[in-house]
Amino acid sequence: MKSFKQYLQESKQSFGFRVKLAHEPTDAQIEKIENHLAKYDLEGGVSAPKKLMLQSAPYDFPQLRGYEIYVMEFSTARPVSAYQITTELQNLLGLRDGMMKVRSDREPLEAAEQASIDGEEGRPVLLGDDDYSEAEKIDGADYYGDKFNTSFVQELLKLRKDKEKEIAGKEIDE
């Protein structure tokens, strides 16, 4: 039989978060963030800020056009809400609303964004597929070229003759 301490060790969880800033954080700000998050049993510290690709309207900051977004990741051993961390860090760094977002790894929006960045479930990103492997193979001769044009004109002539026969048949019946 397992002891209570063994059960507690097995049930230990980690809570991951991503901090997105609309400006490049300084070393002093990163140190302040790490010191503040220590009360939530910070695991491994805060990652170095990574700059995201420049976007005209960033996903988390649609009102900020043309800003470079920096992302830092961290995980805690204690459960805490992303909103609580956001308000605490904004007050700590003196940032106004809308300049920083904190999202948990467990939020559906964050999971969807990561899936779109990484490619869904191991599938390659379609824009990175130069061979268009998922597209069906099409024979171009069926849709353009001299052979297609000849068969198209013949089909039109056949339809024209059928229409003329139909009109002539109606005139005889009348």
Protein backbone atom coordinates (compact mmCIF):
# COMPACT_ATOMS: atom_id res chain seq x y z
CA MET A 1 0.00 0.00 0.00
CA LYS A 2 1.25 3.46 -0.90
CA SER A 3 1.73 6.12 1.70
CA PHE A 4 0.00 9.48 1.58
CA LYS A 5 3.27 11.20 0.62
CA GLN A 6 3.65 8.92 -2.41
CA TYR A 7 0.13 9.78 -3.57
CA LEU A 8 0.89 13.49 -3.21
CA GLN A 9 4.10 13.17 -5.21
CA GLU A 10 2.30 11.29 -8.00
CA SER A 11 -0.46 13.89 -8.19
CA LYS A 12 1.94 16.82 -8.54
CA GLN A 13 0.89 19.01 -11.46
CA SER A 14 2.54 21.75 -13.43
CA PHE A 15 0.64 24.79 -14.71
CA GLY A 16 2.13 26.39 -17.82
CA PHE A 17 1.64 30.01 -18.88
CA ARG A 18 2.68 32.29 -21.72
CA VAL A 19 3.20 36.03 -21.18
CA LYS A 20 2.84 38.11 -24.35
CA LEU A 21 4.14 41.67 -24.27
CA ALA A 22 3.71 44.38 -26.90
CA HIS A 23 7.22 45.70 -26.20
CA GLU A 24 10.62 44.15 -25.60
CA PRO A 25 11.10 43.44 -21.90
CA THR A 26 14.33 44.58 -20.28
CA ASP A 27 16.49 42.32 -18.14
CA ALA A 28 15.34 44.21 -15.04
CA GLN A 29 11.68 43.58 -15.94
CA ILE A 30 12.34 39.87 -16.51
CA GLU A 31 14.05 39.67 -13.12
CA LYS A 32 11.09 41.44 -11.48
CA ILE A 33 8.71 38.95 -13.10
CA GLU A 34 10.76 35.96 -11.91
CA ASN A 35 10.97 37.32 -8.36
CA HIS A 36 7.24 38.01 -8.26
CA LEU A 37 6.27 34.58 -9.65
CA ALA A 38 8.40 32.81 -7.04
CA LYS A 39 5.40 32.88 -4.69
CA TYR A 40 3.63 30.45 -7.08
CA ASP A 41 6.57 27.99 -6.92
CA LEU A 42 8.05 28.91 -10.28
CA GLU A 43 9.53 25.84 -11.98
CA GLY A 44 12.65 26.45 -14.03
CA GLY A 45 12.36 30.23 -14.22
CA VAL A 46 11.00 32.38 -17.01
CA SER A 47 12.18 31.62 -20.54
CA ALA A 48 14.05 34.20 -22.57
CA PRO A 49 11.72 36.47 -24.55
CA LYS A 50 11.09 35.28 -28.09
CA LYS A 51 10.00 37.73 -30.75
CA LEU A 52 7.02 36.60 -32.82
CA MET A 53 6.68 37.23 -36.52
CA LEU A 54 5.62 40.79 -37.28
CA GLN A 55 1.87 40.92 -38.02
CA SER A 56 -0.36 43.78 -39.09
CA ALA A 57 -2.89 42.84 -36.38
CA PRO A 58 -1.42 40.42 -33.80
CA TYR A 59 -3.79 37.71 -32.54
CA ASP A 60 -3.89 38.82 -28.89
CA PHE A 61 -3.44 42.52 -29.65
CA PRO A 62 -5.76 43.39 -32.58
CA GLN A 63 -5.87 47.09 -31.60
CA LEU A 64 -2.06 47.40 -31.77
CA ARG A 65 -1.10 47.47 -35.42
CA GLY A 66 2.52 46.87 -36.38
CA TYR A 67 3.83 46.13 -32.87
CA GLU A 68 6.41 43.43 -32.29
CA ILE A 69 5.13 40.86 -29.80
CA TYR A 70 7.46 39.12 -27.35
CA VAL A 71 6.58 35.82 -25.64
CA MET A 72 7.95 34.39 -22.40
CA GLU A 73 6.93 31.02 -21.02
CA PHE A 74 6.96 29.70 -17.47
CA SER A 75 5.30 27.07 -15.34
CA THR A 76 4.23 27.01 -11.73
CA ALA A 77 3.58 24.24 -9.24
CA ARG A 78 0.61 26.07 -7.72
CA PRO A 79 -2.65 26.67 -9.55
CA VAL A 80 -3.30 30.31 -10.39
CA SER A 81 -5.51 32.05 -12.93
CA ALA A 82 -4.10 33.82 -15.95
CA TYR A 83 -6.18 36.90 -15.07
CA GLN A 84 -4.60 37.09 -11.62
CA ILE A 85 -1.08 36.91 -13.06
CA THR A 86 -1.97 39.52 -15.69
CA THR A 87 -3.19 42.08 -13.17
CA GLU A 88 -0.28 41.47 -10.81
CA LEU A 89 2.35 41.78 -13.54
CA GLN A 90 0.72 44.86 -15.07
CA ASN A 91 0.80 46.60 -11.69
CA LEU A 92 4.36 45.42 -11.07
CA LEU A 93 5.70 46.63 -14.43
CA GLY A 94 3.47 49.70 -14.70
CA LEU A 95 1.87 48.62 -17.97
CA ARG A 96 -1.50 49.82 -19.17
CA ASP A 97 -4.32 47.47 -20.19
CA GLY A 98 -3.88 45.90 -23.58
CA MET A 99 -0.07 45.88 -23.57
CA MET A 100 0.28 42.45 -21.95
CA LYS A 101 -1.66 39.17 -22.08
CA VAL A 102 -1.16 36.04 -20.02
CA ARG A 103 -2.65 32.76 -21.19
CA SER A 104 -2.63 29.35 -19.61
CA ASP A 105 -1.60 26.30 -21.64
CA ARG A 106 -4.97 24.81 -20.73
CA GLU A 107 -7.04 27.57 -22.36
CA PRO A 108 -8.78 26.49 -25.57
CA LEU A 109 -7.69 29.64 -27.45
CA GLU A 110 -4.05 29.07 -26.59
CA ALA A 111 -4.28 25.39 -27.57
CA ALA A 112 -5.87 26.33 -30.91
CA GLU A 113 -3.21 28.96 -31.58
CA GLN A 114 -0.40 26.51 -30.79
CA ALA A 115 -2.02 23.88 -33.03
CA SER A 116 -2.18 26.34 -35.90
CA ILE A 117 1.46 27.32 -35.40
CA ASP A 118 2.78 23.76 -34.98
CA GLY A 119 0.53 22.08 -37.54
CA GLU A 120 -2.38 20.02 -36.32
CA GLU A 121 -1.48 16.72 -34.68
CA GLY A 122 1.81 16.21 -36.41
CA ARG A 123 0.52 17.00 -39.88
CA PRO A 124 2.78 19.29 -41.89
CA VAL A 125 1.70 22.87 -42.30
CA LEU A 126 0.11 23.21 -45.75
CA LEU A 127 2.06 26.31 -46.71
CA GLY A 128 5.29 24.42 -46.09
CA ASP A 129 4.30 21.59 -48.46
CA ASP A 130 5.92 22.43 -51.81
CA ASP A 131 4.55 19.30 -53.50
CA TYR A 132 0.90 19.87 -52.50
CA SER A 133 0.69 16.24 -51.40
CA GLU A 134 -2.92 16.54 -50.17
CA ALA A 135 -4.22 17.90 -53.49
CA GLU A 136 -5.72 15.44 -55.94
CA LYS A 137 -3.76 14.85 -59.13
CA ILE A 138 -5.40 16.49 -62.18
CA ASP A 139 -4.65 15.94 -65.84
CA GLY A 140 -4.43 19.39 -67.43
CA ALA A 141 -5.38 18.06 -70.89
CA ASP A 142 -8.93 17.53 -69.55
CA TYR A 143 -9.37 21.27 -68.97
CA TYR A 144 -7.27 23.19 -71.53
CA GLY A 145 -5.18 22.83 -74.67
CA ASP A 146 -5.79 21.99 -78.34
CA LYS A 147 -7.31 18.57 -77.62
CA PHE A 148 -9.77 20.06 -75.12
CA ASN A 149 -10.69 22.95 -77.46
CA THR A 150 -11.37 20.54 -80.38
CA SER A 151 -13.61 18.30 -78.30
CA PHE A 152 -15.41 21.34 -76.85
CA VAL A 153 -16.17 22.79 -80.31
CA GLN A 154 -17.39 19.37 -81.52
CA GLU A 155 -19.69 19.10 -78.52
CA LEU A 156 -21.09 22.59 -79.20
CA LEU A 157 -21.71 21.70 -82.87
CA LYS A 158 -23.47 18.50 -81.80
CA LEU A 159 -25.70 20.46 -79.38
CA ARG A 160 -26.46 22.98 -82.14
CA LYS A 161 -27.52 20.23 -84.59
CA ASP A 162 -29.72 18.60 -81.90
CA LYS A 163 -31.36 21.97 -81.19
CA GLU A 164 -31.97 22.57 -84.94
CA LYS A 165 -33.55 19.09 -85.29
CA GLU A 166 -35.76 19.79 -82.28
CA ILE A 167 -36.90 23.14 -83.73
CA ALA A 168 -37.51 21.59 -87.16
CA GLY A 169 -39.52 18.76 -85.55
CA LYS A 170 -41.77 21.27 -83.76
CA GLU A 171 -42.42 23.21 -87.01
CA ILE A 172 -43.52 20.02 -88.81
CA ASP A 173 -45.88 19.06 -85.98
CA GLU A 174 -47.60 22.43 -86.15
